[in-house]
Amino acid sequence: MKFKIKRGDEVVVLAGSQKGKKGKILDVFPSKERVVVEGVKMGKRHTKATQDNPQGAIIEREMPIHYSNVMLVSRHDARKASRK
């Protein structure tokens, strides 16, 4: 399956709790049909204690969302303009 969006593209979220947020694509997972968008759907990950981080930590980072819920900003703006 080939996506029309790729890493580095500017997108807007169309559906879900993060609807309307804009961000850059950080990662694409074609086999799972998911993308990671900068600053969207932040989730918490618990990490084990290591030598670098003896206490362990709770890290907040972006989680993947389905690619059908995002659209390129340029296409989104063009669509809004044509409706007026």
PDB file of N, CA and C in Angstrom:
ATOM      1  N   MET A   1       0.837  -1.176   0.000  1.00  0.00           N
ATOM      2  CA  MET A   1       0.000   0.000   0.000  1.00  0.00           C
ATOM      3  C   MET A   1       0.882   1.240   0.000  1.00  0.00           C
ATOM      4  N   LYS A   2       0.526   2.230  -0.801  1.00  0.00           N
ATOM      5  CA  LYS A   2       1.314   3.448  -0.895  1.00  0.00           C
ATOM      6  C   LYS A   2       0.520   4.613  -0.308  1.00  0.00           C
ATOM      7  N   PHE A   3       1.169   5.379   0.555  1.00  0.00           N
ATOM      8  CA  PHE A   3       0.526   6.545   1.155  1.00  0.00           C
ATOM      9  C   PHE A   3       0.792   7.774   0.316  1.00  0.00           C
ATOM     10  N   LYS A   4      -0.109   8.751   0.388  1.00  0.00           N
ATOM     11  CA  LYS A   4       0.104  10.020  -0.294  1.00  0.00           C
ATOM     12  C   LYS A   4       0.816  11.012   0.620  1.00  0.00           C
ATOM     13  N   ILE A   5       1.052  10.610   1.860  1.00  0.00           N
ATOM     14  CA  ILE A   5       1.792  11.463   2.792  1.00  0.00           C
ATOM     15  C   ILE A   5       3.086  10.761   3.153  1.00  0.00           C
ATOM     16  N   LYS A   6       4.097  11.571   3.473  1.00  0.00           N
ATOM     17  CA  LYS A   6       5.396  10.998   3.824  1.00  0.00           C
ATOM     18  C   LYS A   6       5.992  11.784   4.979  1.00  0.00           C
ATOM     19  N   ARG A   7       7.088  11.288   5.490  1.00  0.00           N
ATOM     20  CA  ARG A   7       7.770  11.917   6.611  1.00  0.00           C
ATOM     21  C   ARG A   7       8.146  13.359   6.254  1.00  0.00           C
ATOM     22  N   GLY A   8       7.849  14.279   7.162  1.00  0.00           N
ATOM     23  CA  GLY A   8       8.190  15.683   6.954  1.00  0.00           C
ATOM     24  C   GLY A   8       7.039  16.527   6.422  1.00  0.00           C
ATOM     25  N   ASP A   9       5.966  15.902   5.938  1.00  0.00           N
ATOM     26  CA  ASP A   9       4.815  16.652   5.430  1.00  0.00           C
ATOM     27  C   ASP A   9       4.060  17.316   6.578  1.00  0.00           C
ATOM     28  N   GLU A  10       3.477  18.468   6.300  1.00  0.00           N
ATOM     29  CA  GLU A  10       2.650  19.186   7.257  1.00  0.00           C
ATOM     30  C   GLU A  10       1.204  18.705   7.076  1.00  0.00           C
ATOM     31  N   VAL A  11       0.582  18.234   8.161  1.00  0.00           N
ATOM     32  CA  VAL A  11      -0.770  17.679   8.077  1.00  0.00           C
ATOM     33  C   VAL A  11      -1.680  18.286   9.144  1.00  0.00           C
ATOM     34  N   VAL A  12      -2.984  18.111   8.929  1.00  0.00           N
ATOM     35  CA  VAL A  12      -3.997  18.510   9.912  1.00  0.00           C
ATOM     36  C   VAL A  12      -4.810  17.267  10.247  1.00  0.00           C
ATOM     37  N   VAL A  13      -5.187  17.129  11.531  1.00  0.00           N
ATOM     38  CA  VAL A  13      -5.956  15.969  11.988  1.00  0.00           C
ATOM     39  C   VAL A  13      -7.434  16.232  11.706  1.00  0.00           C
ATOM     40  N   LEU A  14      -8.105  15.264  11.062  1.00  0.00           N
ATOM     41  CA  LEU A  14      -9.496  15.417  10.647  1.00  0.00           C
ATOM     42  C   LEU A  14     -10.501  14.840  11.632  1.00  0.00           C
ATOM     43  N   ALA A  15     -10.113  13.851  12.434  1.00  0.00           N
ATOM     44  CA  ALA A  15     -11.069  13.172  13.294  1.00  0.00           C
ATOM     45  C   ALA A  15     -10.445  12.819  14.638  1.00  0.00           C
ATOM     46  N   GLY A  16     -11.295  12.596  15.610  1.00  0.00           N
ATOM     47  CA  GLY A  16     -10.831  12.178  16.920  1.00  0.00           C
ATOM     48  C   GLY A  16     -10.710  13.338  17.893  1.00  0.00           C
ATOM     49  N   SER A  17     -10.164  13.056  19.052  1.00  0.00           N
ATOM     50  CA  SER A  17     -10.052  14.065  20.103  1.00  0.00           C
ATOM     51  C   SER A  17      -9.049  15.161  19.755  1.00  0.00           C
ATOM     52  N   GLN A  18      -8.166  14.904  18.802  1.00  0.00           N
ATOM     53  CA  GLN A  18      -7.144  15.866  18.415  1.00  0.00           C
ATOM     54  C   GLN A  18      -7.535  16.645  17.149  1.00  0.00           C
ATOM     55  N   LYS A  19      -8.810  16.605  16.760  1.00  0.00           N
ATOM     56  CA  LYS A  19      -9.305  17.207  15.526  1.00  0.00           C
ATOM     57  C   LYS A  19      -8.919  18.683  15.428  1.00  0.00           C
ATOM     58  N   GLY A  20      -8.384  19.066  14.253  1.00  0.00           N
ATOM     59  CA  GLY A  20      -8.016  20.453  14.000  1.00  0.00           C
ATOM     60  C   GLY A  20      -6.562  20.780  14.285  1.00  0.00           C
ATOM     61  N   LYS A  21      -5.850  19.921  14.983  1.00  0.00           N
ATOM     62  CA  LYS A  21      -4.445  20.184  15.293  1.00  0.00           C
ATOM     63  C   LYS A  21      -3.583  19.971  14.056  1.00  0.00           C
ATOM     64  N   LYS A  22      -2.551  20.800  13.921  1.00  0.00           N
ATOM     65  CA  LYS A  22      -1.610  20.683  12.811  1.00  0.00           C
ATOM     66  C   LYS A  22      -0.259  20.232  13.345  1.00  0.00           C
ATOM     67  N   GLY A  23       0.477  19.520  12.509  1.00  0.00           N
ATOM     68  CA  GLY A  23       1.804  19.060  12.901  1.00  0.00           C
ATOM     69  C   GLY A  23       2.521  18.425  11.742  1.00  0.00           C
ATOM     70  N   LYS A  24       3.786  18.095  11.966  1.00  0.00           N
ATOM     71  CA  LYS A  24       4.623  17.478  10.951  1.00  0.00           C
ATOM     72  C   LYS A  24       4.662  15.979  11.171  1.00  0.00           C
ATOM     73  N   ILE A  25       4.675  15.209  10.072  1.00  0.00           N
ATOM     74  CA  ILE A  25       4.760  13.752  10.153  1.00  0.00           C
ATOM     75  C   ILE A  25       6.170  13.389  10.617  1.00  0.00           C
ATOM     76  N   LEU A  26       6.265  12.656  11.732  1.00  0.00           N
ATOM     77  CA  LEU A  26       7.556  12.221  12.252  1.00  0.00           C
ATOM     78  C   LEU A  26       7.923  10.828  11.770  1.00  0.00           C
ATOM     79  N   ASP A  27       6.913   9.962  11.616  1.00  0.00           N
ATOM     80  CA  ASP A  27       7.173   8.581  11.226  1.00  0.00           C
ATOM     81  C   ASP A  27       5.952   8.011  10.532  1.00  0.00           C
ATOM     82  N   VAL A  28       6.177   7.056   9.616  1.00  0.00           N
ATOM     83  CA  VAL A  28       5.100   6.402   8.879  1.00  0.00           C
ATOM     84  C   VAL A  28       5.274   4.893   9.018  1.00  0.00           C
ATOM     85  N   PHE A  29       4.172   4.195   9.323  1.00  0.00           N
ATOM     86  CA  PHE A  29       4.169   2.737   9.436  1.00  0.00           C
ATOM     87  C   PHE A  29       3.185   2.175   8.416  1.00  0.00           C
ATOM     88  N   PRO A  30       3.639   1.927   7.155  1.00  0.00           N
ATOM     89  CA  PRO A  30       2.712   1.479   6.112  1.00  0.00           C
ATOM     90  C   PRO A  30       2.031   0.148   6.414  1.00  0.00           C
ATOM     91  N   SER A  31       2.726  -0.774   7.037  1.00  0.00           N
ATOM     92  CA  SER A  31       2.129  -2.087   7.302  1.00  0.00           C
ATOM     93  C   SER A  31       0.981  -1.991   8.304  1.00  0.00           C
ATOM     94  N   LYS A  32       1.056  -1.036   9.223  1.00  0.00           N
ATOM     95  CA  LYS A  32       0.008  -0.857  10.228  1.00  0.00           C
ATOM     96  C   LYS A  32      -0.962   0.256   9.856  1.00  0.00           C
ATOM     97  N   GLU A  33      -0.703   0.944   8.739  1.00  0.00           N
ATOM     98  CA  GLU A  33      -1.522   2.057   8.251  1.00  0.00           C
ATOM     99  C   GLU A  33      -1.617   3.175   9.293  1.00  0.00           C
ATOM    100  N   ARG A  34      -0.495   3.500   9.909  1.00  0.00           N
ATOM    101  CA  ARG A  34      -0.471   4.524  10.946  1.00  0.00           C
ATOM    102  C   ARG A  34       0.654   5.522  10.722  1.00  0.00           C
ATOM    103  N   VAL A  35       0.472   6.726  11.265  1.00  0.00           N
ATOM    104  CA  VAL A  35       1.486   7.772  11.194  1.00  0.00           C
ATOM    105  C   VAL A  35       1.634   8.395  12.579  1.00  0.00           C
ATOM    106  N   VAL A  36       2.799   8.972  12.823  1.00  0.00           N
ATOM    107  CA  VAL A  36       3.059   9.705  14.063  1.00  0.00           C
ATOM    108  C   VAL A  36       3.184  11.178  13.688  1.00  0.00           C
ATOM    109  N   VAL A  37       2.350  12.013  14.319  1.00  0.00           N
ATOM    110  CA  VAL A  37       2.325  13.444  14.034  1.00  0.00           C
ATOM    111  C   VAL A  37       2.872  14.199  15.236  1.00  0.00           C
ATOM    112  N   GLU A  38       3.739  15.158  14.970  1.00  0.00           N
ATOM    113  CA  GLU A  38       4.391  15.939  16.013  1.00  0.00           C
ATOM    114  C   GLU A  38       3.371  16.704  16.858  1.00  0.00           C
ATOM    115  N   GLY A  39       3.381  16.470  18.175  1.00  0.00           N
ATOM    116  CA  GLY A  39       2.521  17.193  19.107  1.00  0.00           C
ATOM    117  C   GLY A  39       1.085  16.712  19.161  1.00  0.00           C
ATOM    118  N   VAL A  40       0.765  15.593  18.496  1.00  0.00           N
ATOM    119  CA  VAL A  40      -0.604  15.084  18.462  1.00  0.00           C
ATOM    120  C   VAL A  40      -0.658  13.726  19.152  1.00  0.00           C
ATOM    121  N   LYS A  41      -1.719  13.499  19.923  1.00  0.00           N
ATOM    122  CA  LYS A  41      -1.957  12.245  20.656  1.00  0.00           C
ATOM    123  C   LYS A  41      -0.762  11.867  21.531  1.00  0.00           C
ATOM    124  N   MET A  42      -0.471  12.751  22.478  1.00  0.00           N
ATOM    125  CA  MET A  42       0.617  12.509  23.413  1.00  0.00           C
ATOM    126  C   MET A  42       0.202  11.416  24.400  1.00  0.00           C
ATOM    127  N   GLY A  43       1.107  10.475  24.622  1.00  0.00           N
ATOM    128  CA  GLY A  43       0.854   9.383  25.549  1.00  0.00           C
ATOM    129  C   GLY A  43       2.031   9.215  26.487  1.00  0.00           C
ATOM    130  N   LYS A  44       1.810   8.535  27.576  1.00  0.00           N
ATOM    131  CA  LYS A  44       2.877   8.339  28.558  1.00  0.00           C
ATOM    132  C   LYS A  44       3.432   6.930  28.449  1.00  0.00           C
ATOM    133  N   ARG A  45       4.751   6.819  28.457  1.00  0.00           N
ATOM    134  CA  ARG A  45       5.445   5.532  28.403  1.00  0.00           C
ATOM    135  C   ARG A  45       6.283   5.402  29.665  1.00  0.00           C
ATOM    136  N   HIS A  46       6.153   4.280  30.354  1.00  0.00           N
ATOM    137  CA  HIS A  46       6.957   4.012  31.540  1.00  0.00           C
ATOM    138  C   HIS A  46       8.232   3.309  31.096  1.00  0.00           C
ATOM    139  N   THR A  47       9.381   3.818  31.544  1.00  0.00           N
ATOM    140  CA  THR A  47      10.657   3.211  31.184  1.00  0.00           C
ATOM    141  C   THR A  47      11.299   2.582  32.408  1.00  0.00           C
ATOM    142  N   LYS A  48      12.016   1.497  32.176  1.00  0.00           N
ATOM    143  CA  LYS A  48      12.713   0.810  33.255  1.00  0.00           C
ATOM    144  C   LYS A  48      13.920   1.606  33.719  1.00  0.00           C
ATOM    145  N   ALA A  49      14.377   1.315  34.906  1.00  0.00           N
ATOM    146  CA  ALA A  49      15.594   1.932  35.419  1.00  0.00           C
ATOM    147  C   ALA A  49      16.797   1.389  34.650  1.00  0.00           C
ATOM    148  N   THR A  50      17.696   2.287  34.252  1.00  0.00           N
ATOM    149  CA  THR A  50      18.926   1.915  33.559  1.00  0.00           C
ATOM    150  C   THR A  50      20.082   2.644  34.228  1.00  0.00           C
ATOM    151  N   GLN A  51      21.294   2.414  33.731  1.00  0.00           N
ATOM    152  CA  GLN A  51      22.441   3.139  34.279  1.00  0.00           C
ATOM    153  C   GLN A  51      22.317   4.633  33.993  1.00  0.00           C
ATOM    154  N   ASP A  52      21.821   4.971  32.814  1.00  0.00           N
ATOM    155  CA  ASP A  52      21.657   6.388  32.475  1.00  0.00           C
ATOM    156  C   ASP A  52      20.553   7.043  33.299  1.00  0.00           C
ATOM    157  N   ASN A  53      19.505   6.281  33.593  1.00  0.00           N
ATOM    158  CA  ASN A  53      18.366   6.806  34.325  1.00  0.00           C
ATOM    159  C   ASN A  53      18.032   5.836  35.468  1.00  0.00           C
ATOM    160  N   PRO A  54      18.726   5.944  36.610  1.00  0.00           N
ATOM    161  CA  PRO A  54      18.584   4.956  37.683  1.00  0.00           C
ATOM    162  C   PRO A  54      17.179   4.891  38.299  1.00  0.00           C
ATOM    163  N   GLN A  55      16.424   5.955  38.238  1.00  0.00           N
ATOM    164  CA  GLN A  55      15.091   5.966  38.826  1.00  0.00           C
ATOM    165  C   GLN A  55      14.017   5.405  37.887  1.00  0.00           C
ATOM    166  N   GLY A  56      14.329   5.332  36.594  1.00  0.00           N
ATOM    167  CA  GLY A  56      13.277   5.051  35.628  1.00  0.00           C
ATOM    168  C   GLY A  56      12.543   6.355  35.382  1.00  0.00           C
ATOM    169  N   ALA A  57      11.567   6.364  34.509  1.00  0.00           N
ATOM    170  CA  ALA A  57      10.873   7.617  34.232  1.00  0.00           C
ATOM    171  C   ALA A  57       9.563   7.343  33.517  1.00  0.00           C
ATOM    172  N   ILE A  58       8.728   8.358  33.509  1.00  0.00           N
ATOM    173  CA  ILE A  58       7.514   8.352  32.701  1.00  0.00           C
ATOM    174  C   ILE A  58       7.733   9.399  31.620  1.00  0.00           C
ATOM    175  N   ILE A  59       7.833   8.943  30.383  1.00  0.00           N
ATOM    176  CA  ILE A  59       8.148   9.823  29.264  1.00  0.00           C
ATOM    177  C   ILE A  59       6.879  10.088  28.464  1.00  0.00           C
ATOM    178  N   GLU A  60       6.643  11.353  28.118  1.00  0.00           N
ATOM    179  CA  GLU A  60       5.492  11.702  27.295  1.00  0.00           C
ATOM    180  C   GLU A  60       5.964  11.830  25.847  1.00  0.00           C
ATOM    181  N   ARG A  61       5.294  11.097  24.940  1.00  0.00           N
ATOM    182  CA  ARG A  61       5.687  11.144  23.536  1.00  0.00           C
ATOM    183  C   ARG A  61       4.470  10.927  22.649  1.00  0.00           C
ATOM    184  N   GLU A  62       4.654  11.179  21.336  1.00  0.00           N
ATOM    185  CA  GLU A  62       3.569  11.050  20.380  1.00  0.00           C
ATOM    186  C   GLU A  62       3.255   9.580  20.115  1.00  0.00           C
ATOM    187  N   MET A  63       1.982   9.271  19.983  1.00  0.00           N
ATOM    188  CA  MET A  63       1.534   7.931  19.661  1.00  0.00           C
ATOM    189  C   MET A  63       0.985   7.926  18.227  1.00  0.00           C
ATOM    190  N   PRO A  64       1.003   6.766  17.574  1.00  0.00           N
ATOM    191  CA  PRO A  64       0.530   6.713  16.194  1.00  0.00           C
ATOM    192  C   PRO A  64      -0.989   6.838  16.078  1.00  0.00           C
ATOM    193  N   ILE A  65      -1.439   7.437  14.954  1.00  0.00           N
ATOM    194  CA  ILE A  65      -2.857   7.521  14.624  1.00  0.00           C
ATOM    195  C   ILE A  65      -3.049   6.981  13.215  1.00  0.00           C
ATOM    196  N   HIS A  66      -4.266   6.616  12.879  1.00  0.00           N
ATOM    197  CA  HIS A  66      -4.548   6.041  11.565  1.00  0.00           C
ATOM    198  C   HIS A  66      -4.363   7.114  10.496  1.00  0.00           C
ATOM    199  N   TYR A  67      -3.770   6.717   9.368  1.00  0.00           N
ATOM    200  CA  TYR A  67      -3.442   7.684   8.326  1.00  0.00           C
ATOM    201  C   TYR A  67      -4.685   8.312   7.696  1.00  0.00           C
ATOM    202  N   SER A  68      -5.843   7.654   7.770  1.00  0.00           N
ATOM    203  CA  SER A  68      -7.056   8.217   7.179  1.00  0.00           C
ATOM    204  C   SER A  68      -7.579   9.409   7.973  1.00  0.00           C
ATOM    205  N   ASN A  69      -7.069   9.606   9.172  1.00  0.00           N
ATOM    206  CA  ASN A  69      -7.507  10.722  10.012  1.00  0.00           C
ATOM    207  C   ASN A  69      -6.665  11.970   9.838  1.00  0.00           C
ATOM    208  N   VAL A  70      -5.745  11.975   8.871  1.00  0.00           N
ATOM    209  CA  VAL A  70      -4.934  13.166   8.610  1.00  0.00           C
ATOM    210  C   VAL A  70      -5.024  13.544   7.133  1.00  0.00           C
ATOM    211  N   MET A  71      -4.794  14.835   6.860  1.00  0.00           N
ATOM    212  CA  MET A  71      -4.797  15.344   5.497  1.00  0.00           C
ATOM    213  C   MET A  71      -3.722  16.417   5.381  1.00  0.00           C
ATOM    214  N   LEU A  72      -3.100  16.497   4.209  1.00  0.00           N
ATOM    215  CA  LEU A  72      -2.111  17.531   3.967  1.00  0.00           C
ATOM    216  C   LEU A  72      -2.741  18.905   4.186  1.00  0.00           C
ATOM    217  N   VAL A  73      -2.002  19.816   4.809  1.00  0.00           N
ATOM    218  CA  VAL A  73      -2.519  21.154   5.107  1.00  0.00           C
ATOM    219  C   VAL A  73      -2.908  21.870   3.825  1.00  0.00           C
ATOM    220  N   SER A  74      -2.110  21.732   2.777  1.00  0.00           N
ATOM    221  CA  SER A  74      -2.403  22.416   1.513  1.00  0.00           C
ATOM    222  C   SER A  74      -3.734  21.950   0.923  1.00  0.00           C
ATOM    223  N   ARG A  75      -4.007  20.646   0.964  1.00  0.00           N
ATOM    224  CA  ARG A  75      -5.282  20.113   0.453  1.00  0.00           C
ATOM    225  C   ARG A  75      -6.434  20.556   1.338  1.00  0.00           C
ATOM    226  N   HIS A  76      -6.204  20.606   2.654  1.00  0.00           N
ATOM    227  CA  HIS A  76      -7.243  21.004   3.602  1.00  0.00           C
ATOM    228  C   HIS A  76      -7.624  22.463   3.380  1.00  0.00           C
ATOM    229  N   ASP A  77      -6.633  23.344   3.195  1.00  0.00           N
ATOM    230  CA  ASP A  77      -6.900  24.760   2.961  1.00  0.00           C
ATOM    231  C   ASP A  77      -7.624  24.969   1.636  1.00  0.00           C
ATOM    232  N   ALA A  78      -7.234  24.216   0.594  1.00  0.00           N
ATOM    233  CA  ALA A  78      -7.881  24.314  -0.709  1.00  0.00           C
ATOM    234  C   ALA A  78      -9.332  23.865  -0.611  1.00  0.00           C
ATOM    235  N   ARG A  79      -9.576  22.832   0.168  1.00  0.00           N
ATOM    236  CA  ARG A  79     -10.944  22.318   0.342  1.00  0.00           C
ATOM    237  C   ARG A  79     -11.805  23.343   1.054  1.00  0.00           C
ATOM    238  N   LYS A  80     -11.251  24.004   2.077  1.00  0.00           N
ATOM    239  CA  LYS A  80     -11.989  25.038   2.803  1.00  0.00           C
ATOM    240  C   LYS A  80     -12.287  26.228   1.901  1.00  0.00           C
ATOM    241  N   ALA A  81     -11.319  26.598   1.047  1.00  0.00           N
ATOM    242  CA  ALA A  81     -11.497  27.728   0.156  1.00  0.00           C
ATOM    243  C   ALA A  81     -12.579  27.454  -0.890  1.00  0.00           C
ATOM    244  N   SER A  82     -12.667  26.231  -1.371  1.00  0.00           N
ATOM    245  CA  SER A  82     -13.640  25.902  -2.411  1.00  0.00           C
ATOM    246  C   SER A  82     -15.071  25.859  -1.859  1.00  0.00           C
ATOM    247  N   ARG A  83     -15.220  25.658  -0.564  1.00  0.00           N
ATOM    248  CA  ARG A  83     -16.554  25.605   0.042  1.00  0.00           C
ATOM    249  C   ARG A  83     -17.174  26.987   0.196  1.00  0.00           C
ATOM    250  N   LYS A  84     -16.370  28.031   0.213  1.00  0.00           N
ATOM    251  CA  LYS A  84     -16.883  29.388   0.423  1.00  0.00           C
ATOM    252  C   LYS A  84     -17.510  29.955  -0.811  1.00  0.00           C
TER     253      LYS A  84
END
